[in-house]
Amino acid sequence: MGRFFINCDEATTICNKSQYNEATFIEKLKLSFHLFICKKCGMYSKQNATVTKVCDKHLKKPKCDCKLTEQEKETLQQKINEQLK
């Protein structure tokens, strides 16, 4: 049974692996047991899940395919040239 007790460092490592589906079944079991006992790691796990969710949502947004018109490019170039004088 002692093999199921992990410290907080191991728990955070497994938590991070679990977020990306890289944790094994046994690691997830150990993590669940640790989170049942350790409230601080439970809070870390929730925060980690939130950060991952927000990052995933942000990264999945379509990128703007914005381009300057020729007139806008010329105007911008003129302003740059004026500043360089």
PDB file of N, CA and C in Angstrom:
ATOM      1  N   MET A   1       0.821  -1.201   0.000  1.00  0.00           N
ATOM      2  CA  MET A   1       0.000   0.000   0.000  1.00  0.00           C
ATOM      3  C   MET A   1       0.863   1.263   0.000  1.00  0.00           C
ATOM      4  N   GLY A   2       2.098   1.145   0.528  1.00  0.00           N
ATOM      5  CA  GLY A   2       2.991   2.291   0.582  1.00  0.00           C
ATOM      6  C   GLY A   2       3.348   2.833  -0.792  1.00  0.00           C
ATOM      7  N   ARG A   3       3.199   2.023  -1.793  1.00  0.00           N
ATOM      8  CA  ARG A   3       3.536   2.457  -3.145  1.00  0.00           C
ATOM      9  C   ARG A   3       2.523   3.464  -3.693  1.00  0.00           C
ATOM     10  N   PHE A   4       1.372   3.567  -3.067  1.00  0.00           N
ATOM     11  CA  PHE A   4       0.354   4.501  -3.541  1.00  0.00           C
ATOM     12  C   PHE A   4       0.498   5.879  -2.914  1.00  0.00           C
ATOM     13  N   PHE A   5       1.362   6.009  -1.906  1.00  0.00           N
ATOM     14  CA  PHE A   5       1.606   7.306  -1.299  1.00  0.00           C
ATOM     15  C   PHE A   5       2.687   8.024  -2.090  1.00  0.00           C
ATOM     16  N   ILE A   6       2.344   9.164  -2.634  1.00  0.00           N
ATOM     17  CA  ILE A   6       3.307   9.971  -3.380  1.00  0.00           C
ATOM     18  C   ILE A   6       3.398  11.334  -2.714  1.00  0.00           C
ATOM     19  N   ASN A   7       4.524  12.006  -2.907  1.00  0.00           N
ATOM     20  CA  ASN A   7       4.654  13.343  -2.330  1.00  0.00           C
ATOM     21  C   ASN A   7       4.065  14.379  -3.296  1.00  0.00           C
ATOM     22  N   CYS A   8       4.051  15.620  -2.862  1.00  0.00           N
ATOM     23  CA  CYS A   8       3.428  16.678  -3.664  1.00  0.00           C
ATOM     24  C   CYS A   8       4.174  16.928  -4.978  1.00  0.00           C
ATOM     25  N   ASP A   9       5.492  16.793  -4.965  1.00  0.00           N
ATOM     26  CA  ASP A   9       6.256  16.965  -6.210  1.00  0.00           C
ATOM     27  C   ASP A   9       5.855  15.926  -7.254  1.00  0.00           C
ATOM     28  N   GLU A  10       5.737  14.690  -6.815  1.00  0.00           N
ATOM     29  CA  GLU A  10       5.317  13.629  -7.735  1.00  0.00           C
ATOM     30  C   GLU A  10       3.884  13.871  -8.204  1.00  0.00           C
ATOM     31  N   ALA A  11       3.046  14.361  -7.295  1.00  0.00           N
ATOM     32  CA  ALA A  11       1.646  14.627  -7.648  1.00  0.00           C
ATOM     33  C   ALA A  11       1.542  15.709  -8.722  1.00  0.00           C
ATOM     34  N   THR A  12       2.341  16.775  -8.589  1.00  0.00           N
ATOM     35  CA  THR A  12       2.274  17.833  -9.604  1.00  0.00           C
ATOM     36  C   THR A  12       2.788  17.340 -10.952  1.00  0.00           C
ATOM     37  N   THR A  13       3.812  16.494 -10.926  1.00  0.00           N
ATOM     38  CA  THR A  13       4.326  15.925 -12.178  1.00  0.00           C
ATOM     39  C   THR A  13       3.259  15.069 -12.859  1.00  0.00           C
ATOM     40  N   ILE A  14       2.607  14.230 -12.077  1.00  0.00           N
ATOM     41  CA  ILE A  14       1.557  13.373 -12.641  1.00  0.00           C
ATOM     42  C   ILE A  14       0.370  14.216 -13.095  1.00  0.00           C
ATOM     43  N   CYS A  15       0.061  15.269 -12.341  1.00  0.00           N
ATOM     44  CA  CYS A  15      -1.036  16.171 -12.715  1.00  0.00           C
ATOM     45  C   CYS A  15      -0.758  16.789 -14.085  1.00  0.00           C
ATOM     46  N   ASN A  16       0.464  17.250 -14.278  1.00  0.00           N
ATOM     47  CA  ASN A  16       0.834  17.840 -15.568  1.00  0.00           C
ATOM     48  C   ASN A  16       0.754  16.812 -16.692  1.00  0.00           C
ATOM     49  N   LYS A  17       1.236  15.616 -16.435  1.00  0.00           N
ATOM     50  CA  LYS A  17       1.164  14.553 -17.442  1.00  0.00           C
ATOM     51  C   LYS A  17      -0.293  14.208 -17.754  1.00  0.00           C
ATOM     52  N   SER A  18      -1.112  14.207 -16.729  1.00  0.00           N
ATOM     53  CA  SER A  18      -2.518  13.852 -16.893  1.00  0.00           C
ATOM     54  C   SER A  18      -3.260  14.866 -17.769  1.00  0.00           C
ATOM     55  N   GLN A  19      -2.873  16.130 -17.677  1.00  0.00           N
ATOM     56  CA  GLN A  19      -3.511  17.178 -18.479  1.00  0.00           C
ATOM     57  C   GLN A  19      -3.345  16.915 -19.971  1.00  0.00           C
ATOM     58  N   TYR A  20      -2.261  16.226 -20.328  1.00  0.00           N
ATOM     59  CA  TYR A  20      -1.980  15.959 -21.734  1.00  0.00           C
ATOM     60  C   TYR A  20      -2.144  14.483 -22.077  1.00  0.00           C
ATOM     61  N   ASN A  21      -2.892  13.781 -21.233  1.00  0.00           N
ATOM     62  CA  ASN A  21      -3.180  12.353 -21.419  1.00  0.00           C
ATOM     63  C   ASN A  21      -1.910  11.511 -21.542  1.00  0.00           C
ATOM     64  N   GLU A  22      -0.889  11.866 -20.784  1.00  0.00           N
ATOM     65  CA  GLU A  22       0.369  11.124 -20.807  1.00  0.00           C
ATOM     66  C   GLU A  22       0.570  10.288 -19.546  1.00  0.00           C
ATOM     67  N   ALA A  23      -0.332  10.403 -18.577  1.00  0.00           N
ATOM     68  CA  ALA A  23      -0.202   9.653 -17.323  1.00  0.00           C
ATOM     69  C   ALA A  23      -0.781   8.250 -17.493  1.00  0.00           C
ATOM     70  N   THR A  24      -0.135   7.288 -16.854  1.00  0.00           N
ATOM     71  CA  THR A  24      -0.624   5.910 -16.901  1.00  0.00           C
ATOM     72  C   THR A  24      -1.804   5.752 -15.947  1.00  0.00           C
ATOM     73  N   PHE A  25      -2.487   4.634 -16.059  1.00  0.00           N
ATOM     74  CA  PHE A  25      -3.616   4.356 -15.174  1.00  0.00           C
ATOM     75  C   PHE A  25      -3.167   4.349 -13.714  1.00  0.00           C
ATOM     76  N   ILE A  26      -2.038   3.724 -13.429  1.00  0.00           N
ATOM     77  CA  ILE A  26      -1.525   3.646 -12.058  1.00  0.00           C
ATOM     78  C   ILE A  26      -1.173   5.041 -11.545  1.00  0.00           C
ATOM     79  N   GLU A  27      -0.556   5.863 -12.393  1.00  0.00           N
ATOM     80  CA  GLU A  27      -0.227   7.234 -11.991  1.00  0.00           C
ATOM     81  C   GLU A  27      -1.489   8.024 -11.674  1.00  0.00           C
ATOM     82  N   LYS A  28      -2.512   7.859 -12.497  1.00  0.00           N
ATOM     83  CA  LYS A  28      -3.777   8.555 -12.242  1.00  0.00           C
ATOM     84  C   LYS A  28      -4.408   8.086 -10.941  1.00  0.00           C
ATOM     85  N   LEU A  29      -4.291   6.810 -10.655  1.00  0.00           N
ATOM     86  CA  LEU A  29      -4.821   6.254  -9.410  1.00  0.00           C
ATOM     87  C   LEU A  29      -4.079   6.839  -8.211  1.00  0.00           C
ATOM     88  N   LYS A  30      -2.756   6.887  -8.298  1.00  0.00           N
ATOM     89  CA  LYS A  30      -1.951   7.481  -7.230  1.00  0.00           C
ATOM     90  C   LYS A  30      -2.301   8.953  -7.039  1.00  0.00           C
ATOM     91  N   LEU A  31      -2.471   9.663  -8.148  1.00  0.00           N
ATOM     92  CA  LEU A  31      -2.816  11.081  -8.083  1.00  0.00           C
ATOM     93  C   LEU A  31      -4.174  11.275  -7.429  1.00  0.00           C
ATOM     94  N   SER A  32      -5.147  10.480  -7.810  1.00  0.00           N
ATOM     95  CA  SER A  32      -6.482  10.587  -7.207  1.00  0.00           C
ATOM     96  C   SER A  32      -6.426  10.377  -5.704  1.00  0.00           C
ATOM     97  N   PHE A  33      -5.659   9.398  -5.276  1.00  0.00           N
ATOM     98  CA  PHE A  33      -5.515   9.127  -3.849  1.00  0.00           C
ATOM     99  C   PHE A  33      -4.843  10.309  -3.154  1.00  0.00           C
ATOM    100  N   HIS A  34      -3.803  10.862  -3.765  1.00  0.00           N
ATOM    101  CA  HIS A  34      -3.096  12.003  -3.182  1.00  0.00           C
ATOM    102  C   HIS A  34      -4.017  13.227  -3.114  1.00  0.00           C
ATOM    103  N   LEU A  35      -4.773  13.471  -4.170  1.00  0.00           N
ATOM    104  CA  LEU A  35      -5.665  14.636  -4.197  1.00  0.00           C
ATOM    105  C   LEU A  35      -6.777  14.519  -3.162  1.00  0.00           C
ATOM    106  N   PHE A  36      -7.158  13.299  -2.827  1.00  0.00           N
ATOM    107  CA  PHE A  36      -8.169  13.075  -1.792  1.00  0.00           C
ATOM    108  C   PHE A  36      -7.647  13.542  -0.437  1.00  0.00           C
ATOM    109  N   ILE A  37      -6.339  13.396  -0.233  1.00  0.00           N
ATOM    110  CA  ILE A  37      -5.732  13.740   1.050  1.00  0.00           C
ATOM    111  C   ILE A  37      -5.200  15.177   1.071  1.00  0.00           C
ATOM    112  N   CYS A  38      -4.581  15.615  -0.005  1.00  0.00           N
ATOM    113  CA  CYS A  38      -3.880  16.900  -0.036  1.00  0.00           C
ATOM    114  C   CYS A  38      -4.724  17.964  -0.746  1.00  0.00           C
ATOM    115  N   LYS A  39      -5.235  18.896   0.016  1.00  0.00           N
ATOM    116  CA  LYS A  39      -6.105  19.940  -0.547  1.00  0.00           C
ATOM    117  C   LYS A  39      -5.327  20.942  -1.400  1.00  0.00           C
ATOM    118  N   LYS A  40      -4.061  21.194  -1.043  1.00  0.00           N
ATOM    119  CA  LYS A  40      -3.265  22.144  -1.831  1.00  0.00           C
ATOM    120  C   LYS A  40      -3.005  21.609  -3.235  1.00  0.00           C
ATOM    121  N   CYS A  41      -2.704  20.338  -3.331  1.00  0.00           N
ATOM    122  CA  CYS A  41      -2.493  19.742  -4.658  1.00  0.00           C
ATOM    123  C   CYS A  41      -3.810  19.679  -5.434  1.00  0.00           C
ATOM    124  N   GLY A  42      -4.907  19.516  -4.710  1.00  0.00           N
ATOM    125  CA  GLY A  42      -6.217  19.544  -5.358  1.00  0.00           C
ATOM    126  C   GLY A  42      -6.482  20.899  -5.984  1.00  0.00           C
ATOM    127  N   MET A  43      -6.094  21.960  -5.257  1.00  0.00           N
ATOM    128  CA  MET A  43      -6.260  23.313  -5.775  1.00  0.00           C
ATOM    129  C   MET A  43      -5.351  23.521  -6.990  1.00  0.00           C
ATOM    130  N   TYR A  44      -4.115  23.021  -6.899  1.00  0.00           N
ATOM    131  CA  TYR A  44      -3.185  23.119  -8.027  1.00  0.00           C
ATOM    132  C   TYR A  44      -3.755  22.410  -9.255  1.00  0.00           C
ATOM    133  N   SER A  45      -4.319  21.242  -9.037  1.00  0.00           N
ATOM    134  CA  SER A  45      -4.878  20.461 -10.136  1.00  0.00           C
ATOM    135  C   SER A  45      -6.011  21.218 -10.832  1.00  0.00           C
ATOM    136  N   LYS A  46      -6.872  21.844 -10.044  1.00  0.00           N
ATOM    137  CA  LYS A  46      -7.977  22.624 -10.624  1.00  0.00           C
ATOM    138  C   LYS A  46      -7.449  23.829 -11.398  1.00  0.00           C
ATOM    139  N   GLN A  47      -6.472  24.527 -10.811  1.00  0.00           N
ATOM    140  CA  GLN A  47      -5.900  25.692 -11.488  1.00  0.00           C
ATOM    141  C   GLN A  47      -5.189  25.278 -12.775  1.00  0.00           C
ATOM    142  N   ASN A  48      -4.481  24.172 -12.719  1.00  0.00           N
ATOM    143  CA  ASN A  48      -3.777  23.662 -13.888  1.00  0.00           C
ATOM    144  C   ASN A  48      -4.763  23.317 -15.005  1.00  0.00           C
ATOM    145  N   ALA A  49      -5.867  22.703 -14.639  1.00  0.00           N
ATOM    146  CA  ALA A  49      -6.896  22.356 -15.627  1.00  0.00           C
ATOM    147  C   ALA A  49      -7.486  23.618 -16.253  1.00  0.00           C
ATOM    148  N   THR A  50      -7.696  24.649 -15.435  1.00  0.00           N
ATOM    149  CA  THR A  50      -8.249  25.907 -15.935  1.00  0.00           C
ATOM    150  C   THR A  50      -7.285  26.575 -16.911  1.00  0.00           C
ATOM    151  N   VAL A  51      -6.010  26.627 -16.550  1.00  0.00           N
ATOM    152  CA  VAL A  51      -5.007  27.237 -17.427  1.00  0.00           C
ATOM    153  C   VAL A  51      -4.921  26.480 -18.752  1.00  0.00           C
ATOM    154  N   THR A  52      -4.919  25.168 -18.683  1.00  0.00           N
ATOM    155  CA  THR A  52      -4.860  24.349 -19.896  1.00  0.00           C
ATOM    156  C   THR A  52      -6.079  24.605 -20.778  1.00  0.00           C
ATOM    157  N   LYS A  53      -7.248  24.684 -20.166  1.00  0.00           N
ATOM    158  CA  LYS A  53      -8.491  24.911 -20.911  1.00  0.00           C
ATOM    159  C   LYS A  53      -8.465  26.276 -21.604  1.00  0.00           C
ATOM    160  N   VAL A  54      -8.026  27.307 -20.888  1.00  0.00           N
ATOM    161  CA  VAL A  54      -7.973  28.656 -21.454  1.00  0.00           C
ATOM    162  C   VAL A  54      -6.959  28.712 -22.599  1.00  0.00           C
ATOM    163  N   CYS A  55      -5.798  28.101 -22.394  1.00  0.00           N
ATOM    164  CA  CYS A  55      -4.774  28.091 -23.452  1.00  0.00           C
ATOM    165  C   CYS A  55      -5.264  27.344 -24.686  1.00  0.00           C
ATOM    166  N   ASP A  56      -5.883  26.200 -24.479  1.00  0.00           N
ATOM    167  CA  ASP A  56      -6.407  25.433 -25.611  1.00  0.00           C
ATOM    168  C   ASP A  56      -7.450  26.235 -26.376  1.00  0.00           C
ATOM    169  N   LYS A  57      -8.329  26.908 -25.639  1.00  0.00           N
ATOM    170  CA  LYS A  57      -9.381  27.705 -26.272  1.00  0.00           C
ATOM    171  C   LYS A  57      -8.760  28.849 -27.074  1.00  0.00           C
ATOM    172  N   HIS A  58      -7.764  29.496 -26.505  1.00  0.00           N
ATOM    173  CA  HIS A  58      -7.114  30.616 -27.180  1.00  0.00           C
ATOM    174  C   HIS A  58      -6.361  30.152 -28.427  1.00  0.00           C
ATOM    175  N   LEU A  59      -5.683  29.027 -28.325  1.00  0.00           N
ATOM    176  CA  LEU A  59      -4.886  28.543 -29.447  1.00  0.00           C
ATOM    177  C   LEU A  59      -5.733  27.998 -30.584  1.00  0.00           C
ATOM    178  N   LYS A  60      -6.968  27.625 -30.297  1.00  0.00           N
ATOM    179  CA  LYS A  60      -7.838  27.072 -31.338  1.00  0.00           C
ATOM    180  C   LYS A  60      -8.595  28.145 -32.109  1.00  0.00           C
ATOM    181  N   LYS A  61      -8.500  29.405 -31.639  1.00  0.00           N
ATOM    182  CA  LYS A  61      -9.183  30.482 -32.350  1.00  0.00           C
ATOM    183  C   LYS A  61      -8.541  30.661 -33.721  1.00  0.00           C
ATOM    184  N   PRO A  62      -9.368  30.905 -34.738  1.00  0.00           N
ATOM    185  CA  PRO A  62      -8.789  31.133 -36.067  1.00  0.00           C
ATOM    186  C   PRO A  62      -7.985  32.432 -36.066  1.00  0.00           C
ATOM    187  N   LYS A  63      -6.862  32.398 -36.717  1.00  0.00           N
ATOM    188  CA  LYS A  63      -6.011  33.578 -36.779  1.00  0.00           C
ATOM    189  C   LYS A  63      -6.563  34.547 -37.814  1.00  0.00           C
ATOM    190  N   CYS A  64      -6.414  35.807 -37.514  1.00  0.00           N
ATOM    191  CA  CYS A  64      -6.874  36.853 -38.420  1.00  0.00           C
ATOM    192  C   CYS A  64      -5.992  36.865 -39.665  1.00  0.00           C
ATOM    193  N   ASP A  65      -6.616  36.838 -40.793  1.00  0.00           N
ATOM    194  CA  ASP A  65      -5.883  36.890 -42.052  1.00  0.00           C
ATOM    195  C   ASP A  65      -5.948  38.318 -42.586  1.00  0.00           C
ATOM    196  N   CYS A  66      -5.599  39.263 -41.715  1.00  0.00           N
ATOM    197  CA  CYS A  66      -5.683  40.679 -42.055  1.00  0.00           C
ATOM    198  C   CYS A  66      -4.467  41.096 -42.871  1.00  0.00           C
ATOM    199  N   LYS A  67      -4.728  41.874 -43.887  1.00  0.00           N
ATOM    200  CA  LYS A  67      -3.650  42.376 -44.731  1.00  0.00           C
ATOM    201  C   LYS A  67      -3.916  43.841 -45.033  1.00  0.00           C
ATOM    202  N   LEU A  68      -2.832  44.580 -45.172  1.00  0.00           N
ATOM    203  CA  LEU A  68      -2.958  45.984 -45.530  1.00  0.00           C
ATOM    204  C   LEU A  68      -3.227  46.112 -47.025  1.00  0.00           C
ATOM    205  N   THR A  69      -4.037  47.107 -47.353  1.00  0.00           N
ATOM    206  CA  THR A  69      -4.247  47.401 -48.773  1.00  0.00           C
ATOM    207  C   THR A  69      -2.996  48.097 -49.300  1.00  0.00           C
ATOM    208  N   GLU A  70      -2.890  48.204 -50.602  1.00  0.00           N
ATOM    209  CA  GLU A  70      -1.734  48.884 -51.202  1.00  0.00           C
ATOM    210  C   GLU A  70      -1.673  50.340 -50.744  1.00  0.00           C
ATOM    211  N   GLN A  71      -2.831  50.983 -50.651  1.00  0.00           N
ATOM    212  CA  GLN A  71      -2.880  52.380 -50.208  1.00  0.00           C
ATOM    213  C   GLN A  71      -2.390  52.499 -48.763  1.00  0.00           C
ATOM    214  N   GLU A  72      -2.807  51.580 -47.911  1.00  0.00           N
ATOM    215  CA  GLU A  72      -2.369  51.597 -46.511  1.00  0.00           C
ATOM    216  C   GLU A  72      -0.862  51.355 -46.405  1.00  0.00           C
ATOM    217  N   LYS A  73      -0.351  50.471 -47.234  1.00  0.00           N
ATOM    218  CA  LYS A  73       1.090  50.204 -47.240  1.00  0.00           C
ATOM    219  C   LYS A  73       1.872  51.453 -47.640  1.00  0.00           C
ATOM    220  N   GLU A  74       1.385  52.142 -48.676  1.00  0.00           N
ATOM    221  CA  GLU A  74       2.061  53.352 -49.145  1.00  0.00           C
ATOM    222  C   GLU A  74       2.033  54.440 -48.083  1.00  0.00           C
ATOM    223  N   THR A  75       0.891  54.603 -47.446  1.00  0.00           N
ATOM    224  CA  THR A  75       0.755  55.606 -46.386  1.00  0.00           C
ATOM    225  C   THR A  75       1.697  55.291 -45.226  1.00  0.00           C
ATOM    226  N   LEU A  76       1.746  54.051 -44.841  1.00  0.00           N
ATOM    227  CA  LEU A  76       2.627  53.626 -43.757  1.00  0.00           C
ATOM    228  C   LEU A  76       4.089  53.852 -44.129  1.00  0.00           C
ATOM    229  N   GLN A  77       4.452  53.528 -45.351  1.00  0.00           N
ATOM    230  CA  GLN A  77       5.827  53.724 -45.808  1.00  0.00           C
ATOM    231  C   GLN A  77       6.194  55.202 -45.800  1.00  0.00           C
ATOM    232  N   GLN A  78       5.252  56.067 -46.207  1.00  0.00           N
ATOM    233  CA  GLN A  78       5.502  57.505 -46.194  1.00  0.00           C
ATOM    234  C   GLN A  78       5.739  58.001 -44.768  1.00  0.00           C
ATOM    235  N   LYS A  79       4.949  57.515 -43.829  1.00  0.00           N
ATOM    236  CA  LYS A  79       5.114  57.924 -42.428  1.00  0.00           C
ATOM    237  C   LYS A  79       6.456  57.452 -41.872  1.00  0.00           C
ATOM    238  N   ILE A  80       6.856  56.267 -42.251  1.00  0.00           N
ATOM    239  CA  ILE A  80       8.155  55.747 -41.805  1.00  0.00           C
ATOM    240  C   ILE A  80       9.276  56.605 -42.380  1.00  0.00           C
ATOM    241  N   ASN A  81       9.173  56.912 -43.664  1.00  0.00           N
ATOM    242  CA  ASN A  81      10.199  57.733 -44.312  1.00  0.00           C
ATOM    243  C   ASN A  81      10.286  59.116 -43.679  1.00  0.00           C
ATOM    244  N   GLU A  82       9.142  59.700 -43.324  1.00  0.00           N
ATOM    245  CA  GLU A  82       9.125  61.013 -42.677  1.00  0.00           C
ATOM    246  C   GLU A  82       9.817  60.959 -41.321  1.00  0.00           C
ATOM    247  N   GLN A  83       9.599  59.885 -40.593  1.00  0.00           N
ATOM    248  CA  GLN A  83      10.218  59.744 -39.272  1.00  0.00           C
ATOM    249  C   GLN A  83      11.727  59.526 -39.371  1.00  0.00           C
ATOM    250  N   LEU A  84      12.180  58.945 -40.470  1.00  0.00           N
ATOM    251  CA  LEU A  84      13.605  58.676 -40.645  1.00  0.00           C
ATOM    252  C   LEU A  84      14.388  59.905 -41.091  1.00  0.00           C
ATOM    253  N   LYS A  85      13.705  60.935 -41.570  1.00  0.00           N
ATOM    254  CA  LYS A  85      14.374  62.159 -42.048  1.00  0.00           C
ATOM    255  C   LYS A  85      14.952  62.940 -40.900  1.00  0.00           C
TER     256      LYS A  85
END
